[in-house]
């Protein structure tokens, strides 16, 4: 099972816990099934959105 957000409408992510970080940042290793993770490039563009 993939944690990538590919086929779901972005509206399904509203109200979920979230974490926004820049590529290369250190992250905790805790797995939170409902958490939305938004990875940004150095210039602030969204690179990846994933759950966990």
PDB file of N, CA and C in Angstrom:
ATOM      1  N   UNK A   1       0.836  -1.174   0.000  1.00  0.00           N
ATOM      2  CA  UNK A   1       0.000   0.000   0.000  1.00  0.00           C
ATOM      3  C   UNK A   1       0.887   1.245   0.000  1.00  0.00           C
ATOM      4  N   UNK A   2       0.567   2.172  -0.861  1.00  0.00           N
ATOM      5  CA  UNK A   2       1.317   3.412  -0.975  1.00  0.00           C
ATOM      6  C   UNK A   2       0.717   4.481  -0.073  1.00  0.00           C
ATOM      7  N   UNK A   3       1.550   5.340   0.441  1.00  0.00           N
ATOM      8  CA  UNK A   3       1.082   6.465   1.247  1.00  0.00           C
ATOM      9  C   UNK A   3       0.942   7.726   0.414  1.00  0.00           C
ATOM     10  N   UNK A   4       1.208   7.622  -0.887  1.00  0.00           N
ATOM     11  CA  UNK A   4       1.102   8.778  -1.767  1.00  0.00           C
ATOM     12  C   UNK A   4      -0.357   9.179  -1.936  1.00  0.00           C
ATOM     13  N   UNK A   5      -0.596  10.451  -2.134  1.00  0.00           N
ATOM     14  CA  UNK A   5      -1.943  10.968  -2.377  1.00  0.00           C
ATOM     15  C   UNK A   5      -2.039  11.204  -3.873  1.00  0.00           C
ATOM     16  N   UNK A   6      -2.607  10.243  -4.595  1.00  0.00           N
ATOM     17  CA  UNK A   6      -2.673  10.345  -6.049  1.00  0.00           C
ATOM     18  C   UNK A   6      -4.091  10.433  -6.577  1.00  0.00           C
ATOM     19  N   UNK A   7      -4.957   9.575  -6.120  1.00  0.00           N
ATOM     20  CA  UNK A   7      -6.285   9.443  -6.712  1.00  0.00           C
ATOM     21  C   UNK A   7      -7.390  10.126  -5.917  1.00  0.00           C
ATOM     22  N   UNK A   8      -7.084  10.616  -4.733  1.00  0.00           N
ATOM     23  CA  UNK A   8      -8.109  11.233  -3.895  1.00  0.00           C
ATOM     24  C   UNK A   8      -8.176  12.734  -4.145  1.00  0.00           C
ATOM     25  N   UNK A   9      -9.383  13.292  -4.128  1.00  0.00           N
ATOM     26  CA  UNK A   9      -9.498  14.754  -4.248  1.00  0.00           C
ATOM     27  C   UNK A   9      -8.789  15.436  -3.078  1.00  0.00           C
ATOM     28  N   UNK A  10      -8.160  16.562  -3.341  1.00  0.00           N
ATOM     29  CA  UNK A  10      -7.446  17.291  -2.296  1.00  0.00           C
ATOM     30  C   UNK A  10      -8.378  17.673  -1.150  1.00  0.00           C
ATOM     31  N   UNK A  11      -9.668  17.792  -1.436  1.00  0.00           N
ATOM     32  CA  UNK A  11     -10.638  18.161  -0.398  1.00  0.00           C
ATOM     33  C   UNK A  11     -10.732  17.100   0.702  1.00  0.00           C
ATOM     34  N   UNK A  12     -10.312  15.859   0.433  1.00  0.00           N
ATOM     35  CA  UNK A  12     -10.354  14.813   1.457  1.00  0.00           C
ATOM     36  C   UNK A  12      -9.294  15.036   2.536  1.00  0.00           C
ATOM     37  N   UNK A  13      -8.364  15.949   2.303  1.00  0.00           N
ATOM     38  CA  UNK A  13      -7.287  16.210   3.256  1.00  0.00           C
ATOM     39  C   UNK A  13      -7.622  17.317   4.250  1.00  0.00           C
ATOM     40  N   UNK A  14      -8.692  18.051   4.008  1.00  0.00           N
ATOM     41  CA  UNK A  14      -9.069  19.172   4.871  1.00  0.00           C
ATOM     42  C   UNK A  14      -9.401  18.668   6.273  1.00  0.00           C
ATOM     43  N   UNK A  15      -8.852  19.330   7.269  1.00  0.00           N
ATOM     44  CA  UNK A  15      -9.130  19.006   8.664  1.00  0.00           C
ATOM     45  C   UNK A  15      -8.243  17.931   9.257  1.00  0.00           C
ATOM     46  N   UNK A  16      -7.370  17.327   8.464  1.00  0.00           N
ATOM     47  CA  UNK A  16      -6.477  16.295   8.991  1.00  0.00           C
ATOM     48  C   UNK A  16      -5.234  16.958   9.585  1.00  0.00           C
ATOM     49  N   UNK A  17      -4.606  16.290  10.566  1.00  0.00           N
ATOM     50  CA  UNK A  17      -3.343  16.822  11.081  1.00  0.00           C
ATOM     51  C   UNK A  17      -2.343  16.907   9.933  1.00  0.00           C
ATOM     52  N   UNK A  18      -1.466  17.892   9.981  1.00  0.00           N
ATOM     53  CA  UNK A  18      -0.544  18.061   8.860  1.00  0.00           C
ATOM     54  C   UNK A  18       0.857  18.425   9.329  1.00  0.00           C
ATOM     55  N   UNK A  19       1.802  18.197   8.421  1.00  0.00           N
ATOM     56  CA  UNK A  19       3.198  18.574   8.635  1.00  0.00           C
ATOM     57  C   UNK A  19       3.707  19.091   7.296  1.00  0.00           C
ATOM     58  N   UNK A  20       4.266  20.279   7.310  1.00  0.00           N
ATOM     59  CA  UNK A  20       4.841  20.870   6.104  1.00  0.00           C
ATOM     60  C   UNK A  20       6.335  21.002   6.342  1.00  0.00           C
ATOM     61  N   UNK A  21       7.129  20.535   5.394  1.00  0.00           N
ATOM     62  CA  UNK A  21       8.578  20.573   5.556  1.00  0.00           C
ATOM     63  C   UNK A  21       9.252  20.777   4.206  1.00  0.00           C
ATOM     64  N   UNK A  22      10.503  21.184   4.249  1.00  0.00           N
ATOM     65  CA  UNK A  22      11.299  21.383   3.042  1.00  0.00           C
ATOM     66  C   UNK A  22      12.180  20.159   2.830  1.00  0.00           C
ATOM     67  N   UNK A  23      12.395  19.808   1.572  1.00  0.00           N
ATOM     68  CA  UNK A  23      13.245  18.663   1.242  1.00  0.00           C
ATOM     69  C   UNK A  23      14.556  18.769   2.019  1.00  0.00           C
ATOM     70  N   UNK A  24      14.970  17.664   2.628  1.00  0.00           N
ATOM     71  CA  UNK A  24      16.218  17.628   3.372  1.00  0.00           C
ATOM     72  C   UNK A  24      16.063  17.913   4.856  1.00  0.00           C
ATOM     73  N   UNK A  25      14.895  18.418   5.279  1.00  0.00           N
ATOM     74  CA  UNK A  25      14.664  18.649   6.706  1.00  0.00           C
ATOM     75  C   UNK A  25      14.661  17.321   7.454  1.00  0.00           C
ATOM     76  N   UNK A  26      15.085  17.341   8.701  1.00  0.00           N
ATOM     77  CA  UNK A  26      14.989  16.151   9.539  1.00  0.00           C
ATOM     78  C   UNK A  26      13.544  16.004   9.997  1.00  0.00           C
ATOM     79  N   UNK A  27      13.037  14.774   9.968  1.00  0.00           N
ATOM     80  CA  UNK A  27      11.659  14.487  10.378  1.00  0.00           C
ATOM     81  C   UNK A  27      11.659  13.440  11.477  1.00  0.00           C
ATOM     82  N   UNK A  28      10.629  13.479  12.310  1.00  0.00           N
ATOM     83  CA  UNK A  28      10.453  12.415  13.290  1.00  0.00           C
ATOM     84  C   UNK A  28      10.044  11.149  12.548  1.00  0.00           C
ATOM     85  N   UNK A  29      10.258  10.003  13.152  1.00  0.00           N
ATOM     86  CA  UNK A  29       9.935   8.733  12.505  1.00  0.00           C
ATOM     87  C   UNK A  29       8.601   8.167  12.970  1.00  0.00           C
ATOM     88  N   UNK A  30       7.817   8.959  13.691  1.00  0.00           N
ATOM     89  CA  UNK A  30       6.517   8.465  14.144  1.00  0.00           C
ATOM     90  C   UNK A  30       5.559   8.371  12.966  1.00  0.00           C
ATOM     91  N   UNK A  31       4.742   7.335  12.974  1.00  0.00           N
ATOM     92  CA  UNK A  31       3.757   7.131  11.914  1.00  0.00           C
ATOM     93  C   UNK A  31       2.392   7.508  12.458  1.00  0.00           C
ATOM     94  N   UNK A  32       1.780   8.511  11.861  1.00  0.00           N
ATOM     95  CA  UNK A  32       0.432   8.943  12.241  1.00  0.00           C
ATOM     96  C   UNK A  32      -0.441   8.746  11.009  1.00  0.00           C
ATOM     97  N   UNK A  33      -1.298   7.711  11.009  1.00  0.00           N
ATOM     98  CA  UNK A  33      -2.027   7.307   9.804  1.00  0.00           C
ATOM     99  C   UNK A  33      -2.818   8.415   9.115  1.00  0.00           C
ATOM    100  N   UNK A  34      -3.355   9.360   9.875  1.00  0.00           N
ATOM    101  CA  UNK A  34      -4.178  10.408   9.265  1.00  0.00           C
ATOM    102  C   UNK A  34      -3.404  11.676   8.922  1.00  0.00           C
ATOM    103  N   UNK A  35      -2.124  11.740   9.263  1.00  0.00           N
ATOM    104  CA  UNK A  35      -1.366  12.981   9.048  1.00  0.00           C
ATOM    105  C   UNK A  35      -1.049  13.187   7.567  1.00  0.00           C
ATOM    106  N   UNK A  36      -1.272  14.407   7.113  1.00  0.00           N
ATOM    107  CA  UNK A  36      -0.925  14.806   5.751  1.00  0.00           C
ATOM    108  C   UNK A  36       0.454  15.456   5.805  1.00  0.00           C
ATOM    109  N   UNK A  37       1.389  14.934   5.028  1.00  0.00           N
ATOM    110  CA  UNK A  37       2.735  15.483   4.948  1.00  0.00           C
ATOM    111  C   UNK A  37       2.882  16.194   3.611  1.00  0.00           C
ATOM    112  N   UNK A  38       3.318  17.440   3.658  1.00  0.00           N
ATOM    113  CA  UNK A  38       3.497  18.223   2.440  1.00  0.00           C
ATOM    114  C   UNK A  38       4.972  18.593   2.347  1.00  0.00           C
ATOM    115  N   UNK A  39       5.626  18.064   1.321  1.00  0.00           N
ATOM    116  CA  UNK A  39       7.049  18.305   1.117  1.00  0.00           C
ATOM    117  C   UNK A  39       7.226  19.436   0.114  1.00  0.00           C
ATOM    118  N   UNK A  40       8.038  20.423   0.487  1.00  0.00           N
ATOM    119  CA  UNK A  40       8.292  21.575  -0.366  1.00  0.00           C
ATOM    120  C   UNK A  40       9.711  21.537  -0.920  1.00  0.00           C
ATOM    121  N   UNK A  41       9.885  22.116  -2.105  1.00  0.00           N
ATOM    122  CA  UNK A  41      11.223  22.284  -2.661  1.00  0.00           C
ATOM    123  C   UNK A  41      11.891  23.465  -1.963  1.00  0.00           C
ATOM    124  N   UNK A  42      13.164  23.680  -2.232  1.00  0.00           N
ATOM    125  CA  UNK A  42      13.885  24.812  -1.652  1.00  0.00           C
ATOM    126  C   UNK A  42      13.224  26.135  -2.014  1.00  0.00           C
ATOM    127  N   UNK A  43      12.544  26.181  -3.174  1.00  0.00           N
ATOM    128  CA  UNK A  43      11.893  27.421  -3.617  1.00  0.00           C
ATOM    129  C   UNK A  43      10.456  27.540  -3.114  1.00  0.00           C
ATOM    130  N   UNK A  44       9.987  26.539  -2.341  1.00  0.00           N
ATOM    131  CA  UNK A  44       8.659  26.609  -1.749  1.00  0.00           C
ATOM    132  C   UNK A  44       7.549  25.968  -2.559  1.00  0.00           C
ATOM    133  N   UNK A  45       7.894  25.283  -3.647  1.00  0.00           N
ATOM    134  CA  UNK A  45       6.884  24.583  -4.449  1.00  0.00           C
ATOM    135  C   UNK A  45       6.585  23.222  -3.840  1.00  0.00           C
ATOM    136  N   UNK A  46       5.330  22.792  -3.930  1.00  0.00           N
ATOM    137  CA  UNK A  46       4.952  21.471  -3.426  1.00  0.00           C
ATOM    138  C   UNK A  46       5.560  20.405  -4.326  1.00  0.00           C
ATOM    139  N   UNK A  47       6.302  19.488  -3.710  1.00  0.00           N
ATOM    140  CA  UNK A  47       6.961  18.401  -4.427  1.00  0.00           C
ATOM    141  C   UNK A  47       6.181  17.103  -4.260  1.00  0.00           C
ATOM    142  N   UNK A  48       5.653  16.899  -3.060  1.00  0.00           N
ATOM    143  CA  UNK A  48       5.017  15.621  -2.736  1.00  0.00           C
ATOM    144  C   UNK A  48       4.017  15.830  -1.609  1.00  0.00           C
ATOM    145  N   UNK A  49       2.897  15.118  -1.677  1.00  0.00           N
ATOM    146  CA  UNK A  49       1.927  15.077  -0.587  1.00  0.00           C
ATOM    147  C   UNK A  49       1.699  13.608  -0.262  1.00  0.00           C
ATOM    148  N   UNK A  50       1.865  13.253   1.008  1.00  0.00           N
ATOM    149  CA  UNK A  50       1.697  11.862   1.399  1.00  0.00           C
ATOM    150  C   UNK A  50       1.085  11.778   2.790  1.00  0.00           C
ATOM    151  N   UNK A  51       0.561  10.596   3.104  1.00  0.00           N
ATOM    152  CA  UNK A  51      -0.126  10.333   4.363  1.00  0.00           C
ATOM    153  C   UNK A  51       0.759   9.460   5.245  1.00  0.00           C
ATOM    154  N   UNK A  52       0.799   9.764   6.534  1.00  0.00           N
ATOM    155  CA  UNK A  52       1.519   8.896   7.463  1.00  0.00           C
ATOM    156  C   UNK A  52       2.388   9.618   8.432  1.00  0.00           C
TER     157      UNK A  52
END
